[in-house]
């Protein structure tokens, strides 16, 4: 009995040590953030600054209670007060510290909660802070050069202009960006005539003298705001919102015409997007690092050459997949739309990926495609579905394939579909017996390898079913 108690004691202690050492976000799940900020922009350091408060709400996802929380903030910003539930002031310690695994410093704030937060419980507090945004590029060239200049500045995660709940560790910060998803809101006060462009929707403006308060909501769940602030000109279409600087009007109008042409092509292939989301394109000053994400792009000073408009717009036509969020037929169909004018090369690339996956994991060779996500192989299913769609396209012809998928999207676009829904739709709507058999063999019977064994290229694979 004594041995058992000692063993149990050591297990509990080891878990406590592990929990303390565990990098965020494995122990905390962000639920929301509301940012209230007033920004003063100037070329003179003495006249610029920020006064802000960030309300943070999160859940304890660890196995042990949480008593202390670590925040990261730009080194030019100082916390003045932390207020918890029931308007109780919380104690905190703040110091400029190194970020492990990188070459820059941040303001590291350790907040002591009023009481421990039990596992699976949530808490919230508000962080009040002020100061001047310091350029992190002073530490290293790969870091953002964000400062509060009147011609252009940014409100974004990478400059730590708002508090981030994470350890001062490069891996922890990257893990936060990869895993945390919530929909932030904000009220940001700026000089009149300025706009905030990025992964947020402007909901309201309130004018007070020469300043305006802009109310924002994140355009979709993300790890935080990524916004450019300047005196933008704004162009809006049914699928895009385009912010550009007046001196780059010619390049912006050319880019906008390209966006309209791509959207019209997608409308013809799959019908109207039906999405409430918009693809947001924003120019930024050359001094600021480019940044892209799902549904938005920041482009250096009118240089649109590196931007993949086709990929970003195609995501607006994506159908919800109930079987898997991140991989599967819905991603494959989006790739088909994106590369609608180069299906052959897409089929060849997908075939190479599938062959490699089968060599690495032979069990996949006999697994029905609709079962991939269920059996923990969702990531491989995207390449398989892309290959199948490419084969359908080459076998049926361009017009017939897109008519087929137009019908599928018309039926399931509003509410989404599962792998089984896709299978039943294709079985019911493909008239060619050989092509229909291909779909059934791959999706329902796990006979993909039989087709691949007889083909040495994508072209010969297509010929095998004609």
Protein backbone atom coordinates (compact mmCIF):
# COMPACT_ATOMS: atom_id res chain seq x y z
CA UNK A 1 0.00 0.00 0.00
CA UNK A 2 2.82 2.37 0.91
CA UNK A 3 4.52 1.61 -2.44
CA UNK A 4 1.29 2.42 -4.30
CA UNK A 5 0.88 5.76 -2.46
CA UNK A 6 4.49 6.71 -3.21
CA UNK A 7 4.04 5.81 -6.88
CA UNK A 8 0.85 7.85 -7.05
CA UNK A 9 2.63 10.78 -5.39
CA UNK A 10 5.45 10.72 -7.95
CA UNK A 11 2.94 10.55 -10.83
CA UNK A 12 1.12 13.63 -9.53
CA UNK A 13 4.39 15.51 -9.00
CA UNK A 14 5.67 14.58 -12.47
CA UNK A 15 2.41 15.75 -14.04
CA UNK A 16 2.66 19.06 -12.18
CA UNK A 17 6.25 19.57 -13.40
CA UNK A 18 5.26 18.60 -16.94
CA UNK A 19 2.33 21.01 -16.85
CA UNK A 20 4.63 23.83 -15.79
CA UNK A 21 7.10 23.02 -18.58
CA UNK A 22 4.46 22.30 -21.22
CA UNK A 23 4.57 24.87 -24.02
CA UNK A 24 1.42 26.82 -24.78
CA UNK A 25 -1.18 26.20 -26.26
CA UNK A 26 -1.46 22.67 -24.88
CA UNK A 27 -2.68 23.97 -21.51
CA UNK A 28 -4.88 26.92 -22.52
CA UNK A 29 -7.49 27.40 -25.26
CA UNK A 30 -8.21 30.99 -26.26
CA UNK A 31 -11.94 31.69 -26.51
CA UNK A 32 -12.07 35.39 -27.29
CA UNK A 33 -10.34 38.75 -27.23
CA UNK A 34 -11.80 42.25 -27.34
CA UNK A 35 -9.29 45.01 -28.01
CA UNK A 36 -9.94 48.67 -27.22
CA UNK A 37 -7.12 50.83 -28.54
CA UNK A 38 -6.37 54.48 -29.24
CA UNK A 39 -3.50 55.07 -31.66
CA UNK A 40 -1.50 58.28 -32.02
CA UNK A 41 0.58 58.35 -35.20
CA UNK A 42 3.57 60.62 -35.77
CA UNK A 43 7.03 60.76 -37.34
CA UNK A 44 8.24 62.18 -34.02
CA UNK A 45 8.71 59.60 -31.28
CA UNK A 46 7.53 61.93 -28.52
CA UNK A 47 4.14 62.44 -30.21
CA UNK A 48 3.20 58.85 -30.99
CA UNK A 49 1.89 56.07 -28.80
CA UNK A 50 -0.86 53.62 -27.86
CA UNK A 51 -3.33 53.48 -25.01
CA UNK A 52 -5.16 50.16 -24.93
CA UNK A 53 -7.01 47.47 -23.01
CA UNK A 54 -7.30 43.85 -24.10
CA UNK A 55 -10.01 41.63 -22.59
CA UNK A 56 -8.96 37.98 -22.80
CA UNK A 57 -11.04 34.88 -22.14
CA UNK A 58 -9.61 31.35 -22.17
CA UNK A 59 -10.24 27.79 -20.96
CA UNK A 60 -7.88 25.56 -18.99
CA UNK A 61 -7.34 22.46 -21.15
CA UNK A 62 -4.65 20.93 -18.92
CA UNK A 63 -5.13 18.25 -16.29
CA UNK A 64 -4.21 20.56 -13.39
CA UNK A 65 -5.48 23.91 -12.04
CA UNK A 66 -3.83 27.05 -13.43
CA UNK A 67 -2.82 29.79 -11.01
CA UNK A 68 -0.49 31.94 -13.14
CA UNK A 69 -0.70 33.10 -16.77
CA UNK A 70 2.16 34.40 -18.92
CA UNK A 71 1.54 37.19 -21.46
CA UNK A 72 3.83 38.51 -24.18
CA UNK A 73 3.75 42.14 -25.33
CA UNK A 74 5.85 44.42 -27.51
CA UNK A 75 8.89 45.68 -25.52
CA UNK A 76 7.85 49.30 -26.06
CA UNK A 77 4.49 48.73 -24.33
CA UNK A 78 3.98 48.64 -20.56
CA UNK A 79 1.14 47.08 -18.56
CA UNK A 80 -0.43 49.46 -16.03
CA UNK A 81 -3.21 47.29 -14.60
CA UNK A 82 -4.76 43.82 -14.86
CA UNK A 83 -8.41 43.49 -13.82
CA UNK A 84 -10.05 40.09 -13.26
CA UNK A 85 -13.62 38.90 -12.68
CA UNK A 86 -15.77 40.97 -10.32
CA UNK A 87 -13.51 43.93 -11.14
CA UNK A 88 -10.73 42.63 -8.89
CA UNK A 89 -7.22 43.95 -9.48
CA UNK A 90 -4.77 41.13 -10.18
CA UNK A 91 -1.10 41.23 -9.24
CA UNK A 92 1.47 40.91 -12.00
CA UNK A 93 5.19 41.08 -12.67
CA UNK A 94 6.66 42.52 -15.85
CA UNK A 95 10.17 42.45 -17.30
CA UNK A 96 11.89 42.57 -20.68
CA UNK A 97 13.07 39.05 -21.45
CA UNK A 98 14.59 36.96 -24.24
CA UNK A 99 12.49 34.74 -26.49
CA UNK A 100 14.03 31.26 -26.33
CA UNK A 101 15.07 29.96 -29.72
CA UNK A 102 15.06 33.42 -31.35
CA UNK A 103 17.00 36.67 -31.25
CA UNK A 104 14.56 39.26 -29.87
CA UNK A 105 13.14 40.50 -26.58
CA UNK A 106 9.56 40.97 -25.44
CA UNK A 107 7.79 42.34 -22.40
CA UNK A 108 7.02 39.16 -20.42
CA UNK A 109 4.13 39.62 -17.97
CA UNK A 110 3.24 37.02 -15.35
CA UNK A 111 -0.31 37.46 -14.01
CA UNK A 112 -1.40 35.80 -10.76
CA UNK A 113 -5.08 34.85 -10.94
CA UNK A 114 -7.39 35.54 -7.98
CA UNK A 115 -8.05 31.81 -7.64
CA UNK A 116 -6.89 28.68 -9.49
CA UNK A 117 -8.79 27.80 -12.68
CA UNK A 118 -9.79 24.14 -12.59
CA UNK A 119 -9.38 21.88 -15.66
CA UNK A 120 -12.01 22.56 -18.35
CA UNK A 121 -13.05 25.79 -16.62
CA UNK A 122 -12.73 29.29 -18.10
CA UNK A 123 -11.65 32.64 -16.79
CA UNK A 124 -11.12 36.16 -18.11
CA UNK A 125 -9.28 39.35 -17.33
CA UNK A 126 -8.51 42.73 -18.89
CA UNK A 127 -4.96 43.97 -19.50
CA UNK A 128 -4.49 47.75 -19.60
CA UNK A 129 -1.31 48.98 -21.25
CA UNK A 130 0.29 51.92 -23.06
CA UNK A 131 3.51 53.08 -24.70
CA UNK A 132 5.12 53.22 -28.14
CA UNK A 133 5.31 50.31 -30.56
CA UNK A 134 8.95 49.27 -30.90
CA UNK A 135 10.27 47.84 -34.18
CA UNK A 136 11.33 44.22 -33.63
CA UNK A 137 13.48 44.49 -36.78
CA UNK A 138 16.02 46.20 -34.54
CA UNK A 139 16.77 42.72 -33.17
CA UNK A 140 16.84 40.80 -36.48
CA UNK A 141 15.99 41.33 -40.16
CA UNK A 142 13.33 38.56 -40.21
CA UNK A 143 11.20 40.38 -37.61
CA UNK A 144 8.54 43.03 -38.41
CA UNK A 145 9.48 46.70 -38.66
CA UNK A 146 6.13 47.96 -37.32
CA UNK A 147 6.15 51.49 -35.87
CA UNK A 148 3.41 54.11 -35.45
CA UNK A 149 4.11 56.24 -38.53
CA UNK A 150 1.29 58.35 -40.02
CA UNK A 151 1.69 57.04 -43.59
CA UNK A 152 1.34 53.38 -42.63
CA UNK A 153 1.33 51.08 -39.62
CA UNK A 154 -0.05 47.70 -38.60
CA UNK A 155 -2.01 46.02 -35.83
CA UNK A 156 -0.87 42.39 -35.92
CA UNK A 157 0.22 39.39 -33.91
CA UNK A 158 3.84 39.41 -35.13
CA UNK A 159 4.58 42.81 -33.56
CA UNK A 160 2.89 41.86 -30.25
CA UNK A 161 0.89 45.07 -30.28
CA UNK A 162 -1.71 43.19 -28.22
CA UNK A 163 -1.09 40.62 -25.45
CA UNK A 164 -0.44 37.01 -26.45
CA UNK A 165 -0.99 34.26 -23.87
CA UNK A 166 2.15 32.18 -24.41
CA UNK A 167 5.54 31.37 -22.97
CA UNK A 168 8.54 33.45 -24.22
CA UNK A 169 9.63 30.61 -26.47
CA UNK A 170 9.74 30.43 -30.28
CA UNK A 171 8.11 26.99 -30.37
CA UNK A 172 5.33 28.10 -28.03
CA UNK A 173 4.62 31.21 -30.13
CA UNK A 174 4.55 29.19 -33.37
CA UNK A 175 2.32 26.62 -31.69
CA UNK A 176 -0.09 29.40 -30.70
CA UNK A 177 -0.30 30.59 -34.31
CA UNK A 178 -0.86 27.06 -35.55
CA UNK A 179 -3.51 25.91 -33.07
CA UNK A 180 -5.40 28.88 -31.63
CA UNK A 181 -8.60 29.88 -33.45
CA UNK A 182 -11.07 32.44 -32.16
CA UNK A 183 -12.96 35.46 -33.53
CA UNK A 184 -11.58 38.67 -32.00
CA UNK A 185 -13.40 42.00 -31.83
CA UNK A 186 -12.04 45.53 -31.45
CA UNK A 187 -12.75 49.24 -31.17
CA UNK A 188 -9.74 51.14 -32.48
CA UNK A 189 -9.58 54.95 -32.49
CA UNK A 190 -7.47 56.54 -35.24
CA UNK A 191 -7.22 59.86 -37.10
CA UNK A 192 -10.18 60.62 -39.36
CA UNK A 193 -9.84 59.27 -42.90
CA UNK A 194 -7.86 56.15 -42.00
CA UNK A 195 -8.99 52.55 -42.63
CA UNK A 196 -7.98 49.23 -41.10
CA UNK A 197 -7.57 46.50 -43.73
CA UNK A 198 -6.96 42.81 -43.14
CA UNK A 199 -8.66 39.81 -41.58
CA UNK A 200 -11.52 41.80 -40.04
CA UNK A 201 -14.86 43.29 -41.06
CA UNK A 202 -15.57 46.93 -40.29
CA UNK A 203 -18.94 47.11 -38.55
CA UNK A 204 -19.28 50.75 -37.53
CA UNK A 205 -17.50 54.12 -37.38
CA UNK A 206 -18.08 56.83 -34.79
CA UNK A 207 -16.64 60.28 -35.51
CA UNK A 208 -15.48 62.48 -32.62
CA UNK A 209 -13.80 65.69 -33.71
CA UNK A 210 -10.83 64.77 -35.90
CA UNK A 211 -10.71 61.15 -34.75
CA UNK A 212 -12.80 58.07 -35.52
CA UNK A 213 -13.50 54.93 -33.55
CA UNK A 214 -13.65 51.91 -35.89
CA UNK A 215 -15.53 48.86 -34.64
CA UNK A 216 -14.24 45.55 -36.05
CA UNK A 217 -14.93 41.84 -35.92
CA UNK A 218 -12.63 39.10 -37.20
CA UNK A 219 -13.68 37.93 -40.65
CA UNK A 220 -13.22 34.30 -39.56
CA UNK A 221 -11.62 32.38 -36.67
CA UNK A 222 -7.87 33.02 -36.52
CA UNK A 223 -5.01 33.43 -34.04
CA UNK A 224 -5.53 37.22 -33.89
CA UNK A 225 -5.84 40.45 -35.86
CA UNK A 226 -3.59 41.15 -38.84
CA UNK A 227 -4.49 44.68 -39.97
CA UNK A 228 -2.88 47.44 -42.00
CA UNK A 229 -3.69 51.06 -41.11
CA UNK A 230 -3.43 53.86 -43.66
CA UNK A 231 -5.45 56.31 -45.76
CA UNK A 232 -6.50 53.61 -48.21
CA UNK A 233 -8.73 53.80 -51.25
CA UNK A 234 -11.22 50.94 -51.10
CA UNK A 235 -12.74 48.89 -53.94
CA UNK A 236 -15.46 46.33 -53.18
CA UNK A 237 -16.97 43.57 -55.35
CA UNK A 238 -19.25 40.66 -54.48
CA UNK A 239 -16.21 38.49 -53.68
CA UNK A 240 -13.38 40.89 -52.79
CA UNK A 241 -12.45 43.95 -50.78
CA UNK A 242 -9.35 45.68 -52.13
CA UNK A 243 -7.47 48.39 -50.20
CA UNK A 244 -4.76 50.29 -52.03
CA UNK A 245 -2.66 53.42 -51.61
CA UNK A 246 -3.61 56.28 -53.96
CA UNK A 247 -0.18 56.47 -55.61
CA UNK A 248 -0.57 52.87 -56.82
CA UNK A 249 -3.98 53.29 -58.42
CA UNK A 250 -3.01 51.98 -61.89
CA UNK A 251 -1.52 48.73 -60.56
CA UNK A 252 -4.49 48.29 -58.21
CA UNK A 253 -7.06 48.74 -61.00
CA UNK A 254 -5.23 46.16 -63.15
CA UNK A 255 -5.22 43.72 -60.23
CA UNK A 256 -8.90 44.38 -59.54
CA UNK A 257 -9.78 43.59 -63.18
CA UNK A 258 -7.90 40.29 -62.82
CA UNK A 259 -9.83 39.47 -59.65
CA UNK A 260 -13.14 40.13 -61.42
CA UNK A 261 -12.15 37.89 -64.36
CA UNK A 262 -11.17 35.01 -62.07
CA UNK A 263 -14.39 35.32 -60.05
CA UNK A 264 -16.47 35.33 -63.25
CA UNK A 265 -14.73 32.14 -64.44
CA UNK A 266 -15.46 30.45 -61.10
CA UNK A 267 -19.09 31.59 -61.31
CA UNK A 268 -19.39 29.90 -64.71
CA UNK A 269 -17.79 26.65 -63.49
CA UNK A 270 -19.49 26.23 -60.10
CA UNK A 271 -22.10 28.98 -59.83
CA UNK A 272 -22.08 31.97 -57.43
CA UNK A 273 -19.87 31.47 -54.38
CA UNK A 274 -22.74 32.05 -51.96
CA UNK A 275 -20.13 32.89 -49.32
CA UNK A 276 -20.49 35.73 -46.84
CA UNK A 277 -16.70 35.91 -46.70
CA UNK A 278 -14.65 38.12 -48.98
CA UNK A 279 -11.07 37.82 -50.15
CA UNK A 280 -9.25 40.86 -48.74
CA UNK A 281 -6.29 42.35 -50.60
CA UNK A 282 -4.36 45.16 -48.95
CA UNK A 283 -1.25 47.02 -49.97
CA UNK A 284 1.41 47.78 -47.41
CA UNK A 285 4.37 50.09 -47.16
CA UNK A 286 7.67 48.62 -48.38
CA UNK A 287 9.12 48.92 -44.86
CA UNK A 288 6.66 46.29 -43.62
CA UNK A 289 7.00 42.54 -44.16
CA UNK A 290 4.45 40.90 -46.46
CA UNK A 291 1.97 38.58 -44.81
CA UNK A 292 -0.71 36.22 -46.14
CA UNK A 293 -3.31 33.92 -44.69
CA UNK A 294 -6.60 32.22 -45.43
CA UNK A 295 -8.70 34.87 -47.18
CA UNK A 296 -6.27 37.79 -47.12
CA UNK A 297 -3.00 39.05 -48.62
CA UNK A 298 -0.77 42.02 -47.77
CA UNK A 299 1.18 43.12 -50.85
CA UNK A 300 4.21 45.38 -50.94
CA UNK A 301 3.44 48.76 -52.50
CA UNK A 302 1.51 47.70 -55.59
CA UNK A 303 3.58 44.60 -56.45
CA UNK A 304 0.88 42.00 -57.15
CA UNK A 305 3.19 39.59 -59.02
CA UNK A 306 3.61 37.12 -56.14
CA UNK A 307 -0.05 36.90 -55.23
CA UNK A 308 -2.04 33.75 -56.01
CA UNK A 309 -5.45 35.29 -56.69
CA UNK A 310 -6.78 32.00 -58.09
CA UNK A 311 -6.04 30.06 -54.91
CA UNK A 312 -7.42 32.69 -52.54
CA UNK A 313 -10.62 33.20 -54.52
CA UNK A 314 -11.17 29.45 -55.00
CA UNK A 315 -11.46 29.04 -51.22
CA UNK A 316 -14.65 31.15 -51.31
CA UNK A 317 -16.31 28.40 -53.42
CA UNK A 318 -15.33 25.62 -51.00
CA UNK A 319 -18.12 23.30 -49.82
CA UNK A 320 -18.24 22.21 -46.17
CA UNK A 321 -17.11 18.60 -45.67
CA UNK A 322 -18.75 16.89 -42.69
CA UNK A 323 -16.26 14.01 -42.78
CA UNK A 324 -13.06 16.05 -42.40
CA UNK A 325 -12.38 19.78 -42.02
CA UNK A 326 -8.78 20.05 -43.19
CA UNK A 327 -8.42 17.33 -45.82
CA UNK A 328 -10.52 15.49 -48.37
CA UNK A 329 -12.71 15.96 -51.43
CA UNK A 330 -13.65 19.58 -50.61
CA UNK A 331 -9.98 20.64 -50.69
CA UNK A 332 -9.47 18.55 -53.85
CA UNK A 333 -12.39 20.22 -55.61
CA UNK A 334 -11.04 23.64 -54.60
CA UNK A 335 -7.68 22.70 -56.14
CA UNK A 336 -9.47 21.64 -59.33
CA UNK A 337 -11.15 25.03 -59.47
CA UNK A 338 -7.88 26.84 -58.78
CA UNK A 339 -6.05 24.87 -61.52
CA UNK A 340 -9.00 24.52 -63.90
CA UNK A 341 -6.77 25.48 -66.83
CA UNK A 342 -4.00 22.96 -66.04
CA UNK A 343 -5.73 19.76 -64.95
CA UNK A 344 -3.15 17.49 -66.63
CA UNK A 345 -0.18 18.68 -64.53
CA UNK A 346 -2.40 18.61 -61.42
CA UNK A 347 -3.28 14.97 -62.15
CA UNK A 348 0.39 14.07 -62.64
CA UNK A 349 1.42 15.70 -59.34
CA UNK A 350 -1.43 14.01 -57.47
CA UNK A 351 -0.51 10.62 -58.95
CA UNK A 352 3.06 11.00 -57.68
CA UNK A 353 1.82 11.87 -54.18
CA UNK A 354 -0.57 8.90 -54.13
CA UNK A 355 2.10 6.43 -55.28
CA UNK A 356 4.49 7.65 -52.59
CA UNK A 357 1.77 7.36 -49.92
CA UNK A 358 0.98 3.80 -51.00
CA UNK A 359 4.66 2.82 -50.87
CA UNK A 360 4.99 4.31 -47.38
CA UNK A 361 1.75 2.75 -46.09
CA UNK A 362 0.68 -0.31 -48.13
CA UNK A 363 -2.54 -0.66 -46.08
CA UNK A 364 -3.93 2.37 -47.92
CA UNK A 365 -3.90 0.42 -51.19
CA UNK A 366 -7.04 -1.53 -50.26
CA UNK A 367 -8.78 1.09 -48.14
CA UNK A 368 -11.95 2.65 -49.63
CA UNK A 369 -11.37 6.34 -50.23
CA UNK A 370 -14.46 7.32 -48.23
CA UNK A 371 -12.91 5.59 -45.18
CA UNK A 372 -9.59 7.48 -45.21
CA UNK A 373 -10.63 10.16 -42.69
CA UNK A 374 -12.34 7.62 -40.43
CA UNK A 375 -9.16 5.51 -40.31
CA UNK A 376 -6.89 8.46 -39.56
CA UNK A 377 -5.56 9.02 -43.08
CA UNK A 378 -7.44 12.20 -43.97
CA UNK A 379 -4.30 14.02 -45.14
CA UNK A 380 -3.67 11.44 -47.88
CA UNK A 381 -7.29 11.61 -49.03
CA UNK A 382 -6.86 15.09 -50.56
CA UNK A 383 -4.32 13.84 -53.13
CA UNK A 384 -6.45 10.76 -53.86
CA UNK A 385 -9.58 12.81 -54.41
CA UNK A 386 -7.66 15.30 -56.56
CA UNK A 387 -6.43 12.41 -58.70
CA UNK A 388 -9.95 11.00 -58.97
CA UNK A 389 -11.44 14.38 -59.93
CA UNK A 390 -8.67 14.94 -62.49
CA UNK A 391 -9.43 11.53 -64.02
CA UNK A 392 -13.15 12.33 -64.11
CA UNK A 393 -12.36 15.62 -65.83
CA UNK A 394 -10.17 14.03 -68.50
CA UNK A 395 -12.62 11.14 -69.04
CA UNK A 396 -15.85 13.14 -69.18
CA UNK A 397 -14.45 16.27 -70.81
CA UNK A 398 -14.19 19.80 -69.43
CA UNK A 399 -17.82 20.87 -69.96
CA UNK A 400 -19.41 17.65 -68.67
CA UNK A 401 -17.16 17.53 -65.60
CA UNK A 402 -17.93 21.07 -64.52
CA UNK A 403 -21.65 20.58 -65.19
CA UNK A 404 -21.48 17.55 -62.91
CA UNK A 405 -19.76 19.50 -60.13
CA UNK A 406 -21.98 22.55 -60.67
CA UNK A 407 -24.93 20.28 -59.89
CA UNK A 408 -23.21 18.87 -56.81
CA UNK A 409 -22.51 22.33 -55.47
CA UNK A 410 -26.06 23.47 -56.24
CA UNK A 411 -27.39 20.56 -54.17
CA UNK A 412 -24.93 20.64 -51.25
CA UNK A 413 -23.29 24.09 -51.31
CA UNK A 414 -25.56 25.67 -48.69
CA UNK A 415 -25.33 22.99 -46.00
CA UNK A 416 -22.31 20.82 -46.85
CA UNK A 417 -21.87 17.14 -47.64
CA UNK A 418 -20.09 13.97 -46.48
CA UNK A 419 -17.95 11.52 -48.44
CA UNK A 420 -21.03 9.28 -48.65
CA UNK A 421 -23.10 12.15 -50.11
CA UNK A 422 -20.45 12.70 -52.78
CA UNK A 423 -20.36 8.99 -53.64
CA UNK A 424 -24.14 8.72 -53.98
CA UNK A 425 -24.33 11.89 -56.07
CA UNK A 426 -21.63 10.70 -58.49
CA UNK A 427 -23.22 7.25 -58.79
CA UNK A 428 -26.57 8.81 -59.62
CA UNK A 429 -25.29 11.42 -62.08
CA UNK A 430 -22.43 9.80 -64.03
CA UNK A 431 -23.93 8.02 -67.03
CA UNK A 432 -20.74 6.45 -68.43
CA UNK A 433 -20.53 2.94 -66.91
CA UNK A 434 -16.70 2.73 -66.92
CA UNK A 435 -16.32 6.10 -65.27
CA UNK A 436 -19.03 5.31 -62.72
CA UNK A 437 -17.27 2.01 -61.93
CA UNK A 438 -14.02 3.94 -61.33
CA UNK A 439 -15.74 6.07 -58.69
CA UNK A 440 -17.31 3.07 -56.97
CA UNK A 441 -14.06 1.07 -57.06
CA UNK A 442 -12.02 3.93 -55.57
CA UNK A 443 -14.46 5.43 -53.10
CA UNK A 444 -16.42 2.37 -51.99
CA UNK A 445 -14.32 -0.75 -52.63
CA UNK A 446 -10.70 0.25 -52.14
CA UNK A 447 -9.53 -0.86 -55.58
CA UNK A 448 -7.35 2.14 -56.32
CA UNK A 449 -4.15 0.13 -56.60
CA UNK A 450 -5.55 -2.06 -59.38
CA UNK A 451 -5.88 0.97 -61.63
CA UNK A 452 -2.46 2.34 -60.68
CA UNK A 453 -0.65 -0.94 -61.37
CA UNK A 454 -1.70 -0.78 -65.03
CA UNK A 455 -0.54 2.79 -65.62
CA UNK A 456 2.90 4.41 -65.78
CA UNK A 457 1.61 7.98 -66.12
CA UNK A 458 -1.48 10.08 -65.54
CA UNK A 459 -2.27 10.01 -69.27
CA UNK A 460 -2.15 6.17 -69.39
CA UNK A 461 -4.26 6.02 -66.22
CA UNK A 462 -6.94 8.05 -67.95
CA UNK A 463 -6.71 5.88 -71.09
CA UNK A 464 -7.26 2.75 -68.98
CA UNK A 465 -10.88 3.70 -68.30
CA UNK A 466 -11.84 5.02 -71.73
